[in-house]
Amino acid sequence: GLGADDYMTKPFSPSELVARVKAHLARY
């Protein structure tokens, strides 16, 4: 609601974080 594009709950795999980073940068 404050404007975040995504929310990840720990623990998560670093590779998943990288995948989401790539997806959001590509979308922007």
mmCIF file of all heavy atoms, coordinates in Angstrom:
data_MODEL
# 
_entry.id   MODEL 
# 
loop_
_atom_site.group_PDB 
_atom_site.id 
_atom_site.type_symbol 
_atom_site.label_atom_id 
_atom_site.label_alt_id 
_atom_site.label_comp_id 
_atom_site.label_asym_id 
_atom_site.label_entity_id 
_atom_site.label_seq_id 
_atom_site.pdbx_PDB_ins_code 
_atom_site.Cartn_x 
_atom_site.Cartn_y 
_atom_site.Cartn_z 
_atom_site.occupancy 
_atom_site.B_iso_or_equiv 
_atom_site.pdbx_formal_charge 
_atom_site.auth_seq_id 
_atom_site.auth_comp_id 
_atom_site.auth_asym_id 
_atom_site.auth_atom_id 
_atom_site.pdbx_PDB_model_num 
ATOM 1   N N   . GLY A 1 1  ? 0.806  -1.212  0.000   1.00 0.00 ? 1  GLY A N   1 
ATOM 2   C CA  . GLY A 1 1  ? 0.000  0.000   0.000   1.00 0.00 ? 1  GLY A CA  1 
ATOM 3   C C   . GLY A 1 1  ? 0.839  1.262   0.000   1.00 0.00 ? 1  GLY A C   1 
ATOM 4   O O   . GLY A 1 1  ? 0.408  2.305   -0.502  1.00 0.00 ? 1  GLY A O   1 
ATOM 5   N N   . LEU A 1 2  ? 2.043  1.180   0.540   1.00 0.00 ? 2  LEU A N   1 
ATOM 6   C CA  . LEU A 1 2  ? 2.946  2.336   0.555   1.00 0.00 ? 2  LEU A CA  1 
ATOM 7   C C   . LEU A 1 2  ? 3.691  2.492   -0.768  1.00 0.00 ? 2  LEU A C   1 
ATOM 8   O O   . LEU A 1 2  ? 4.431  3.458   -0.950  1.00 0.00 ? 2  LEU A O   1 
ATOM 9   C CB  . LEU A 1 2  ? 3.959  2.200   1.699   1.00 0.00 ? 2  LEU A CB  1 
ATOM 10  C CG  . LEU A 1 2  ? 3.404  2.420   3.105   1.00 0.00 ? 2  LEU A CG  1 
ATOM 11  C CD1 . LEU A 1 2  ? 4.454  2.048   4.148   1.00 0.00 ? 2  LEU A CD1 1 
ATOM 12  C CD2 . LEU A 1 2  ? 2.961  3.862   3.291   1.00 0.00 ? 2  LEU A CD2 1 
ATOM 13  N N   . GLY A 1 3  ? 3.509  1.516   -1.665  1.00 0.00 ? 3  GLY A N   1 
ATOM 14  C CA  . GLY A 1 3  ? 4.120  1.651   -2.982  1.00 0.00 ? 3  GLY A CA  1 
ATOM 15  C C   . GLY A 1 3  ? 5.186  0.640   -3.306  1.00 0.00 ? 3  GLY A C   1 
ATOM 16  O O   . GLY A 1 3  ? 5.833  0.733   -4.361  1.00 0.00 ? 3  GLY A O   1 
ATOM 17  N N   . ALA A 1 4  ? 5.430  -0.345  -2.421  1.00 0.00 ? 4  ALA A N   1 
ATOM 18  C CA  . ALA A 1 4  ? 6.401  -1.391  -2.748  1.00 0.00 ? 4  ALA A CA  1 
ATOM 19  C C   . ALA A 1 4  ? 5.894  -2.201  -3.934  1.00 0.00 ? 4  ALA A C   1 
ATOM 20  O O   . ALA A 1 4  ? 4.698  -2.412  -4.103  1.00 0.00 ? 4  ALA A O   1 
ATOM 21  C CB  . ALA A 1 4  ? 6.625  -2.301  -1.542  1.00 0.00 ? 4  ALA A CB  1 
ATOM 22  N N   . ASP A 1 5  ? 6.818  -2.663  -4.768  1.00 0.00 ? 5  ASP A N   1 
ATOM 23  C CA  . ASP A 1 5  ? 6.451  -3.455  -5.936  1.00 0.00 ? 5  ASP A CA  1 
ATOM 24  C C   . ASP A 1 5  ? 6.359  -4.947  -5.623  1.00 0.00 ? 5  ASP A C   1 
ATOM 25  O O   . ASP A 1 5  ? 5.691  -5.691  -6.343  1.00 0.00 ? 5  ASP A O   1 
ATOM 26  C CB  . ASP A 1 5  ? 7.489  -3.249  -7.050  1.00 0.00 ? 5  ASP A CB  1 
ATOM 27  C CG  . ASP A 1 5  ? 7.512  -1.814  -7.543  1.00 0.00 ? 5  ASP A CG  1 
ATOM 28  O OD1 . ASP A 1 5  ? 6.753  -1.499  -8.462  1.00 0.00 ? 5  ASP A OD1 1 
ATOM 29  O OD2 . ASP A 1 5  ? 8.286  -1.012  -6.991  1.00 0.00 ? 5  ASP A OD2 1 
ATOM 30  N N   . ASP A 1 6  ? 7.015  -5.364  -4.548  1.00 0.00 ? 6  ASP A N   1 
ATOM 31  C CA  . ASP A 1 6  ? 7.043  -6.786  -4.229  1.00 0.00 ? 6  ASP A CA  1 
ATOM 32  C C   . ASP A 1 6  ? 7.342  -6.945  -2.744  1.00 0.00 ? 6  ASP A C   1 
ATOM 33  O O   . ASP A 1 6  ? 7.857  -6.027  -2.091  1.00 0.00 ? 6  ASP A O   1 
ATOM 34  C CB  . ASP A 1 6  ? 8.122  -7.484  -5.061  1.00 0.00 ? 6  ASP A CB  1 
ATOM 35  C CG  . ASP A 1 6  ? 7.853  -8.967  -5.283  1.00 0.00 ? 6  ASP A CG  1 
ATOM 36  O OD1 . ASP A 1 6  ? 6.965  -9.514  -4.586  1.00 0.00 ? 6  ASP A OD1 1 
ATOM 37  O OD2 . ASP A 1 6  ? 8.512  -9.565  -6.138  1.00 0.00 ? 6  ASP A OD2 1 
ATOM 38  N N   . TYR A 1 7  ? 6.999  -8.128  -2.207  1.00 0.00 ? 7  TYR A N   1 
ATOM 39  C CA  . TYR A 1 7  ? 7.213  -8.416  -0.784  1.00 0.00 ? 7  TYR A CA  1 
ATOM 40  C C   . TYR A 1 7  ? 7.667  -9.869  -0.686  1.00 0.00 ? 7  TYR A C   1 
ATOM 41  O O   . TYR A 1 7  ? 6.957  -10.775 -1.134  1.00 0.00 ? 7  TYR A O   1 
ATOM 42  C CB  . TYR A 1 7  ? 5.915  -8.199  -0.007  1.00 0.00 ? 7  TYR A CB  1 
ATOM 43  C CG  . TYR A 1 7  ? 6.028  -8.313  1.507   1.00 0.00 ? 7  TYR A CG  1 
ATOM 44  C CD1 . TYR A 1 7  ? 6.051  -7.179  2.303   1.00 0.00 ? 7  TYR A CD1 1 
ATOM 45  C CD2 . TYR A 1 7  ? 6.102  -9.555  2.133   1.00 0.00 ? 7  TYR A CD2 1 
ATOM 46  C CE1 . TYR A 1 7  ? 6.124  -7.263  3.690   1.00 0.00 ? 7  TYR A CE1 1 
ATOM 47  C CE2 . TYR A 1 7  ? 6.182  -9.659  3.512   1.00 0.00 ? 7  TYR A CE2 1 
ATOM 48  C CZ  . TYR A 1 7  ? 6.196  -8.509  4.293   1.00 0.00 ? 7  TYR A CZ  1 
ATOM 49  O OH  . TYR A 1 7  ? 6.277  -8.609  5.654   1.00 0.00 ? 7  TYR A OH  1 
ATOM 50  N N   . MET A 1 8  ? 8.863  -10.078 -0.126  1.00 0.00 ? 8  MET A N   1 
ATOM 51  C CA  . MET A 1 8  ? 9.409  -11.434 0.010   1.00 0.00 ? 8  MET A CA  1 
ATOM 52  C C   . MET A 1 8  ? 9.575  -11.763 1.486   1.00 0.00 ? 8  MET A C   1 
ATOM 53  O O   . MET A 1 8  ? 10.066 -10.944 2.269   1.00 0.00 ? 8  MET A O   1 
ATOM 54  C CB  . MET A 1 8  ? 10.752 -11.545 -0.715  1.00 0.00 ? 8  MET A CB  1 
ATOM 55  C CG  . MET A 1 8  ? 10.672 -11.274 -2.207  1.00 0.00 ? 8  MET A CG  1 
ATOM 56  S SD  . MET A 1 8  ? 12.270 -11.459 -3.047  1.00 0.00 ? 8  MET A SD  1 
ATOM 57  C CE  . MET A 1 8  ? 12.526 -13.245 -2.888  1.00 0.00 ? 8  MET A CE  1 
ATOM 58  N N   . THR A 1 9  ? 9.152  -12.952 1.848   1.00 0.00 ? 9  THR A N   1 
ATOM 59  C CA  . THR A 1 9  ? 9.243  -13.391 3.239   1.00 0.00 ? 9  THR A CA  1 
ATOM 60  C C   . THR A 1 9  ? 10.477 -14.260 3.446   1.00 0.00 ? 9  THR A C   1 
ATOM 61  O O   . THR A 1 9  ? 10.709 -15.219 2.702   1.00 0.00 ? 9  THR A O   1 
ATOM 62  C CB  . THR A 1 9  ? 7.982  -14.191 3.631   1.00 0.00 ? 9  THR A CB  1 
ATOM 63  O OG1 . THR A 1 9  ? 6.820  -13.391 3.398   1.00 0.00 ? 9  THR A OG1 1 
ATOM 64  C CG2 . THR A 1 9  ? 8.030  -14.579 5.099   1.00 0.00 ? 9  THR A CG2 1 
ATOM 65  N N   . LYS A 1 10 ? 11.285 -13.906 4.439   1.00 0.00 ? 10 LYS A N   1 
ATOM 66  C CA  . LYS A 1 10 ? 12.463 -14.708 4.784   1.00 0.00 ? 10 LYS A CA  1 
ATOM 67  C C   . LYS A 1 10 ? 12.030 -16.014 5.436   1.00 0.00 ? 10 LYS A C   1 
ATOM 68  O O   . LYS A 1 10 ? 11.036 -16.031 6.173   1.00 0.00 ? 10 LYS A O   1 
ATOM 69  C CB  . LYS A 1 10 ? 13.364 -13.930 5.758   1.00 0.00 ? 10 LYS A CB  1 
ATOM 70  C CG  . LYS A 1 10 ? 13.933 -12.630 5.209   1.00 0.00 ? 10 LYS A CG  1 
ATOM 71  C CD  . LYS A 1 10 ? 14.748 -11.940 6.307   1.00 0.00 ? 10 LYS A CD  1 
ATOM 72  C CE  . LYS A 1 10 ? 15.283 -10.602 5.862   1.00 0.00 ? 10 LYS A CE  1 
ATOM 73  N NZ  . LYS A 1 10 ? 16.023 -9.912  6.935   1.00 0.00 ? 10 LYS A NZ  1 
ATOM 74  N N   . PRO A 1 11 ? 12.776 -17.099 5.246   1.00 0.00 ? 11 PRO A N   1 
ATOM 75  C CA  . PRO A 1 11 ? 13.942 -17.182 4.354   1.00 0.00 ? 11 PRO A CA  1 
ATOM 76  C C   . PRO A 1 11 ? 13.529 -17.407 2.902   1.00 0.00 ? 11 PRO A C   1 
ATOM 77  O O   . PRO A 1 11 ? 12.494 -18.020 2.639   1.00 0.00 ? 11 PRO A O   1 
ATOM 78  C CB  . PRO A 1 11 ? 14.686 -18.397 4.905   1.00 0.00 ? 11 PRO A CB  1 
ATOM 79  C CG  . PRO A 1 11 ? 13.607 -19.277 5.445   1.00 0.00 ? 11 PRO A CG  1 
ATOM 80  C CD  . PRO A 1 11 ? 12.550 -18.350 5.990   1.00 0.00 ? 11 PRO A CD  1 
ATOM 81  N N   . PHE A 1 12 ? 14.323 -16.902 1.981   1.00 0.00 ? 12 PHE A N   1 
ATOM 82  C CA  . PHE A 1 12 ? 14.088 -17.144 0.561   1.00 0.00 ? 12 PHE A CA  1 
ATOM 83  C C   . PHE A 1 12 ? 15.447 -17.410 -0.087  1.00 0.00 ? 12 PHE A C   1 
ATOM 84  O O   . PHE A 1 12 ? 16.499 -17.053 0.452   1.00 0.00 ? 12 PHE A O   1 
ATOM 85  C CB  . PHE A 1 12 ? 13.398 -15.956 -0.105  1.00 0.00 ? 12 PHE A CB  1 
ATOM 86  C CG  . PHE A 1 12 ? 14.068 -14.630 0.157   1.00 0.00 ? 12 PHE A CG  1 
ATOM 87  C CD1 . PHE A 1 12 ? 15.204 -14.248 -0.531  1.00 0.00 ? 12 PHE A CD1 1 
ATOM 88  C CD2 . PHE A 1 12 ? 13.567 -13.768 1.118   1.00 0.00 ? 12 PHE A CD2 1 
ATOM 89  C CE1 . PHE A 1 12 ? 15.831 -13.033 -0.287  1.00 0.00 ? 12 PHE A CE1 1 
ATOM 90  C CE2 . PHE A 1 12 ? 14.174 -12.548 1.377   1.00 0.00 ? 12 PHE A CE2 1 
ATOM 91  C CZ  . PHE A 1 12 ? 15.316 -12.184 0.673   1.00 0.00 ? 12 PHE A CZ  1 
ATOM 92  N N   . SER A 1 13 ? 15.415 -18.036 -1.236  1.00 0.00 ? 13 SER A N   1 
ATOM 93  C CA  . SER A 1 13 ? 16.667 -18.345 -1.910  1.00 0.00 ? 13 SER A CA  1 
ATOM 94  C C   . SER A 1 13 ? 17.198 -17.102 -2.615  1.00 0.00 ? 13 SER A C   1 
ATOM 95  O O   . SER A 1 13 ? 16.424 -16.326 -3.192  1.00 0.00 ? 13 SER A O   1 
ATOM 96  C CB  . SER A 1 13 ? 16.467 -19.470 -2.932  1.00 0.00 ? 13 SER A CB  1 
ATOM 97  O OG  . SER A 1 13 ? 15.713 -19.014 -4.032  1.00 0.00 ? 13 SER A OG  1 
ATOM 98  N N   . PRO A 1 14 ? 18.507 -16.881 -2.577  1.00 0.00 ? 14 PRO A N   1 
ATOM 99  C CA  . PRO A 1 14 ? 19.083 -15.726 -3.276  1.00 0.00 ? 14 PRO A CA  1 
ATOM 100 C C   . PRO A 1 14 ? 18.776 -15.735 -4.772  1.00 0.00 ? 14 PRO A C   1 
ATOM 101 O O   . PRO A 1 14 ? 18.607 -14.679 -5.378  1.00 0.00 ? 14 PRO A O   1 
ATOM 102 C CB  . PRO A 1 14 ? 20.586 -15.882 -3.022  1.00 0.00 ? 14 PRO A CB  1 
ATOM 103 C CG  . PRO A 1 14 ? 20.675 -16.679 -1.757  1.00 0.00 ? 14 PRO A CG  1 
ATOM 104 C CD  . PRO A 1 14 ? 19.521 -17.631 -1.816  1.00 0.00 ? 14 PRO A CD  1 
ATOM 105 N N   . SER A 1 15 ? 18.675 -16.935 -5.349  1.00 0.00 ? 15 SER A N   1 
ATOM 106 C CA  . SER A 1 15 ? 18.377 -17.013 -6.787  1.00 0.00 ? 15 SER A CA  1 
ATOM 107 C C   . SER A 1 15 ? 16.964 -16.500 -7.084  1.00 0.00 ? 15 SER A C   1 
ATOM 108 O O   . SER A 1 15 ? 16.716 -15.907 -8.140  1.00 0.00 ? 15 SER A O   1 
ATOM 109 C CB  . SER A 1 15 ? 18.532 -18.449 -7.286  1.00 0.00 ? 15 SER A CB  1 
ATOM 110 O OG  . SER A 1 15 ? 17.701 -19.332 -6.558  1.00 0.00 ? 15 SER A OG  1 
ATOM 111 N N   . GLU A 1 16 ? 16.033 -16.730 -6.138  1.00 0.00 ? 16 GLU A N   1 
ATOM 112 C CA  . GLU A 1 16 ? 14.679 -16.195 -6.319  1.00 0.00 ? 16 GLU A CA  1 
ATOM 113 C C   . GLU A 1 16 ? 14.709 -14.672 -6.261  1.00 0.00 ? 16 GLU A C   1 
ATOM 114 O O   . GLU A 1 16 ? 14.023 -13.989 -7.039  1.00 0.00 ? 16 GLU A O   1 
ATOM 115 C CB  . GLU A 1 16 ? 13.727 -16.727 -5.247  1.00 0.00 ? 16 GLU A CB  1 
ATOM 116 C CG  . GLU A 1 16 ? 12.301 -16.197 -5.411  1.00 0.00 ? 16 GLU A CG  1 
ATOM 117 C CD  . GLU A 1 16 ? 11.371 -16.591 -4.275  1.00 0.00 ? 16 GLU A CD  1 
ATOM 118 O OE1 . GLU A 1 16 ? 11.813 -17.323 -3.363  1.00 0.00 ? 16 GLU A OE1 1 
ATOM 119 O OE2 . GLU A 1 16 ? 10.209 -16.145 -4.297  1.00 0.00 ? 16 GLU A OE2 1 
ATOM 120 N N   . LEU A 1 17 ? 15.506 -14.116 -5.347  1.00 0.00 ? 17 LEU A N   1 
ATOM 121 C CA  . LEU A 1 17 ? 15.634 -12.661 -5.258  1.00 0.00 ? 17 LEU A CA  1 
ATOM 122 C C   . LEU A 1 17 ? 16.170 -12.097 -6.569  1.00 0.00 ? 17 LEU A C   1 
ATOM 123 O O   . LEU A 1 17 ? 15.647 -11.096 -7.088  1.00 0.00 ? 17 LEU A O   1 
ATOM 124 C CB  . LEU A 1 17 ? 16.561 -12.279 -4.104  1.00 0.00 ? 17 LEU A CB  1 
ATOM 125 C CG  . LEU A 1 17 ? 16.858 -10.775 -3.965  1.00 0.00 ? 17 LEU A CG  1 
ATOM 126 C CD1 . LEU A 1 17 ? 15.595 -10.004 -3.610  1.00 0.00 ? 17 LEU A CD1 1 
ATOM 127 C CD2 . LEU A 1 17 ? 17.943 -10.533 -2.915  1.00 0.00 ? 17 LEU A CD2 1 
ATOM 128 N N   . VAL A 1 18 ? 17.206 -12.731 -7.112  1.00 0.00 ? 18 VAL A N   1 
ATOM 129 C CA  . VAL A 1 18 ? 17.778 -12.275 -8.381  1.00 0.00 ? 18 VAL A CA  1 
ATOM 130 C C   . VAL A 1 18 ? 16.732 -12.308 -9.489  1.00 0.00 ? 18 VAL A C   1 
ATOM 131 O O   . VAL A 1 18 ? 16.618 -11.371 -10.289 1.00 0.00 ? 18 VAL A O   1 
ATOM 132 C CB  . VAL A 1 18 ? 19.009 -13.130 -8.769  1.00 0.00 ? 18 VAL A CB  1 
ATOM 133 C CG1 . VAL A 1 18 ? 19.468 -12.781 -10.184 1.00 0.00 ? 18 VAL A CG1 1 
ATOM 134 C CG2 . VAL A 1 18 ? 20.142 -12.918 -7.778  1.00 0.00 ? 18 VAL A CG2 1 
ATOM 135 N N   . ALA A 1 19 ? 15.933 -13.367 -9.525  1.00 0.00 ? 19 ALA A N   1 
ATOM 136 C CA  . ALA A 1 19 ? 14.905 -13.495 -10.551 1.00 0.00 ? 19 ALA A CA  1 
ATOM 137 C C   . ALA A 1 19 ? 13.881 -12.369 -10.435 1.00 0.00 ? 19 ALA A C   1 
ATOM 138 O O   . ALA A 1 19 ? 13.446 -11.793 -11.446 1.00 0.00 ? 19 ALA A O   1 
ATOM 139 C CB  . ALA A 1 19 ? 14.216 -14.851 -10.435 1.00 0.00 ? 19 ALA A CB  1 
ATOM 140 N N   . ARG A 1 20 ? 13.493 -12.040 -9.213  1.00 0.00 ? 20 ARG A N   1 
ATOM 141 C CA  . ARG A 1 20 ? 12.510 -10.966 -9.030  1.00 0.00 ? 20 ARG A CA  1 
ATOM 142 C C   . ARG A 1 20 ? 13.106 -9.600  -9.365  1.00 0.00 ? 20 ARG A C   1 
ATOM 143 O O   . ARG A 1 20 ? 12.425 -8.742  -9.930  1.00 0.00 ? 20 ARG A O   1 
ATOM 144 C CB  . ARG A 1 20 ? 11.971 -10.981 -7.599  1.00 0.00 ? 20 ARG A CB  1 
ATOM 145 C CG  . ARG A 1 20 ? 11.202 -12.253 -7.264  1.00 0.00 ? 20 ARG A CG  1 
ATOM 146 C CD  . ARG A 1 20 ? 10.275 -12.034 -6.104  1.00 0.00 ? 20 ARG A CD  1 
ATOM 147 N NE  . ARG A 1 20 ? 9.703  -13.272 -5.610  1.00 0.00 ? 20 ARG A NE  1 
ATOM 148 C CZ  . ARG A 1 20 ? 8.717  -13.341 -4.723  1.00 0.00 ? 20 ARG A CZ  1 
ATOM 149 N NH1 . ARG A 1 20 ? 8.179  -12.232 -4.238  1.00 0.00 ? 20 ARG A NH1 1 
ATOM 150 N NH2 . ARG A 1 20 ? 8.250  -14.507 -4.299  1.00 0.00 ? 20 ARG A NH2 1 
ATOM 151 N N   . VAL A 1 21 ? 14.366 -9.412  -9.013  1.00 0.00 ? 21 VAL A N   1 
ATOM 152 C CA  . VAL A 1 21 ? 15.045 -8.163  -9.366  1.00 0.00 ? 21 VAL A CA  1 
ATOM 153 C C   . VAL A 1 21 ? 15.044 -7.982  -10.883 1.00 0.00 ? 21 VAL A C   1 
ATOM 154 O O   . VAL A 1 21 ? 14.696 -6.917  -11.403 1.00 0.00 ? 21 VAL A O   1 
ATOM 155 C CB  . VAL A 1 21 ? 16.490 -8.148  -8.825  1.00 0.00 ? 21 VAL A CB  1 
ATOM 156 C CG1 . VAL A 1 21 ? 17.306 -7.037  -9.492  1.00 0.00 ? 21 VAL A CG1 1 
ATOM 157 C CG2 . VAL A 1 21 ? 16.491 -7.961  -7.311  1.00 0.00 ? 21 VAL A CG2 1 
ATOM 158 N N   . LYS A 1 22 ? 15.418 -9.035  -11.608 1.00 0.00 ? 22 LYS A N   1 
ATOM 159 C CA  . LYS A 1 22 ? 15.438 -8.962  -13.075 1.00 0.00 ? 22 LYS A CA  1 
ATOM 160 C C   . LYS A 1 22 ? 14.050 -8.654  -13.631 1.00 0.00 ? 22 LYS A C   1 
ATOM 161 O O   . LYS A 1 22 ? 13.903 -7.831  -14.550 1.00 0.00 ? 22 LYS A O   1 
ATOM 162 C CB  . LYS A 1 22 ? 15.946 -10.289 -13.660 1.00 0.00 ? 22 LYS A CB  1 
ATOM 163 C CG  . LYS A 1 22 ? 17.427 -10.540 -13.447 1.00 0.00 ? 22 LYS A CG  1 
ATOM 164 C CD  . LYS A 1 22 ? 17.848 -11.872 -14.057 1.00 0.00 ? 22 LYS A CD  1 
ATOM 165 C CE  . LYS A 1 22 ? 19.337 -12.106 -13.895 1.00 0.00 ? 22 LYS A CE  1 
ATOM 166 N NZ  . LYS A 1 22 ? 19.767 -13.422 -14.445 1.00 0.00 ? 22 LYS A NZ  1 
ATOM 167 N N   . ALA A 1 23 ? 13.031 -9.283  -13.065 1.00 0.00 ? 23 ALA A N   1 
ATOM 168 C CA  . ALA A 1 23 ? 11.669 -9.091  -13.554 1.00 0.00 ? 23 ALA A CA  1 
ATOM 169 C C   . ALA A 1 23 ? 11.198 -7.655  -13.337 1.00 0.00 ? 23 ALA A C   1 
ATOM 170 O O   . ALA A 1 23 ? 10.596 -7.044  -14.227 1.00 0.00 ? 23 ALA A O   1 
ATOM 171 C CB  . ALA A 1 23 ? 10.724 -10.065 -12.862 1.00 0.00 ? 23 ALA A CB  1 
ATOM 172 N N   . HIS A 1 24 ? 11.475 -7.095  -12.164 1.00 0.00 ? 24 HIS A N   1 
ATOM 173 C CA  . HIS A 1 24 ? 11.016 -5.727  -11.881 1.00 0.00 ? 24 HIS A CA  1 
ATOM 174 C C   . HIS A 1 24 ? 11.787 -4.691  -12.689 1.00 0.00 ? 24 HIS A C   1 
ATOM 175 O O   . HIS A 1 24 ? 11.201 -3.711  -13.171 1.00 0.00 ? 24 HIS A O   1 
ATOM 176 C CB  . HIS A 1 24 ? 11.123 -5.440  -10.384 1.00 0.00 ? 24 HIS A CB  1 
ATOM 177 C CG  . HIS A 1 24 ? 10.079 -6.134  -9.564  1.00 0.00 ? 24 HIS A CG  1 
ATOM 178 N ND1 . HIS A 1 24 ? 8.745  -5.862  -9.674  1.00 0.00 ? 24 HIS A ND1 1 
ATOM 179 C CD2 . HIS A 1 24 ? 10.179 -7.121  -8.628  1.00 0.00 ? 24 HIS A CD2 1 
ATOM 180 C CE1 . HIS A 1 24 ? 8.057  -6.638  -8.838  1.00 0.00 ? 24 HIS A CE1 1 
ATOM 181 N NE2 . HIS A 1 24 ? 8.910  -7.408  -8.203  1.00 0.00 ? 24 HIS A NE2 1 
ATOM 182 N N   . LEU A 1 25 ? 13.087 -4.888  -12.862 1.00 0.00 ? 25 LEU A N   1 
ATOM 183 C CA  . LEU A 1 25 ? 13.860 -3.955  -13.683 1.00 0.00 ? 25 LEU A CA  1 
ATOM 184 C C   . LEU A 1 25 ? 13.378 -3.990  -15.132 1.00 0.00 ? 25 LEU A C   1 
ATOM 185 O O   . LEU A 1 25 ? 13.254 -2.946  -15.782 1.00 0.00 ? 25 LEU A O   1 
ATOM 186 C CB  . LEU A 1 25 ? 15.352 -4.287  -13.604 1.00 0.00 ? 25 LEU A CB  1 
ATOM 187 C CG  . LEU A 1 25 ? 16.051 -3.926  -12.291 1.00 0.00 ? 25 LEU A CG  1 
ATOM 188 C CD1 . LEU A 1 25 ? 17.470 -4.470  -12.284 1.00 0.00 ? 25 LEU A CD1 1 
ATOM 189 C CD2 . LEU A 1 25 ? 16.063 -2.414  -12.083 1.00 0.00 ? 25 LEU A CD2 1 
ATOM 190 N N   . ALA A 1 26 ? 13.085 -5.191  -15.622 1.00 0.00 ? 26 ALA A N   1 
ATOM 191 C CA  . ALA A 1 26 ? 12.596 -5.325  -17.002 1.00 0.00 ? 26 ALA A CA  1 
ATOM 192 C C   . ALA A 1 26 ? 11.234 -4.656  -17.160 1.00 0.00 ? 26 ALA A C   1 
ATOM 193 O O   . ALA A 1 26 ? 10.959 -4.003  -18.173 1.00 0.00 ? 26 ALA A O   1 
ATOM 194 C CB  . ALA A 1 26 ? 12.513 -6.798  -17.388 1.00 0.00 ? 26 ALA A CB  1 
ATOM 195 N N   . ARG A 1 27 ? 10.378 -4.811  -16.148 1.00 0.00 ? 27 ARG A N   1 
ATOM 196 C CA  . ARG A 1 27 ? 9.041  -4.210  -16.218 1.00 0.00 ? 27 ARG A CA  1 
ATOM 197 C C   . ARG A 1 27 ? 9.128  -2.690  -16.237 1.00 0.00 ? 27 ARG A C   1 
ATOM 198 O O   . ARG A 1 27 ? 8.451  -2.026  -17.023 1.00 0.00 ? 27 ARG A O   1 
ATOM 199 C CB  . ARG A 1 27 ? 8.187  -4.663  -15.035 1.00 0.00 ? 27 ARG A CB  1 
ATOM 200 C CG  . ARG A 1 27 ? 6.759  -4.129  -15.067 1.00 0.00 ? 27 ARG A CG  1 
ATOM 201 C CD  . ARG A 1 27 ? 5.906  -4.789  -14.000 1.00 0.00 ? 27 ARG A CD  1 
ATOM 202 N NE  . ARG A 1 27 ? 6.341  -4.432  -12.665 1.00 0.00 ? 27 ARG A NE  1 
ATOM 203 C CZ  . ARG A 1 27 ? 5.936  -3.335  -12.021 1.00 0.00 ? 27 ARG A CZ  1 
ATOM 204 N NH1 . ARG A 1 27 ? 5.101  -2.494  -12.612 1.00 0.00 ? 27 ARG A NH1 1 
ATOM 205 N NH2 . ARG A 1 27 ? 6.350  -3.070  -10.804 1.00 0.00 ? 27 ARG A NH2 1 
ATOM 206 N N   . TYR A 1 28 ? 9.982  -2.125  -15.389 1.00 0.00 ? 28 TYR A N   1 
ATOM 207 C CA  . TYR A 1 28 ? 10.135 -0.672  -15.367 1.00 0.00 ? 28 TYR A CA  1 
ATOM 208 C C   . TYR A 1 28 ? 10.726 -0.167  -16.686 1.00 0.00 ? 28 TYR A C   1 
ATOM 209 O O   . TYR A 1 28 ? 10.331 0.885   -17.191 1.00 0.00 ? 28 TYR A O   1 
ATOM 210 C CB  . TYR A 1 28 ? 11.010 -0.250  -14.186 1.00 0.00 ? 28 TYR A CB  1 
ATOM 211 C CG  . TYR A 1 28 ? 10.217 0.104   -12.947 1.00 0.00 ? 28 TYR A CG  1 
ATOM 212 C CD1 . TYR A 1 28 ? 9.488  -0.877  -12.270 1.00 0.00 ? 28 TYR A CD1 1 
ATOM 213 C CD2 . TYR A 1 28 ? 10.179 1.392   -12.451 1.00 0.00 ? 28 TYR A CD2 1 
ATOM 214 C CE1 . TYR A 1 28 ? 8.755  -0.572  -11.137 1.00 0.00 ? 28 TYR A CE1 1 
ATOM 215 C CE2 . TYR A 1 28 ? 9.448  1.714   -11.313 1.00 0.00 ? 28 TYR A CE2 1 
ATOM 216 C CZ  . TYR A 1 28 ? 8.742  0.726   -10.664 1.00 0.00 ? 28 TYR A CZ  1 
ATOM 217 O OH  . TYR A 1 28 ? 8.009  1.037   -9.545  1.00 0.00 ? 28 TYR A OH  1 
# 
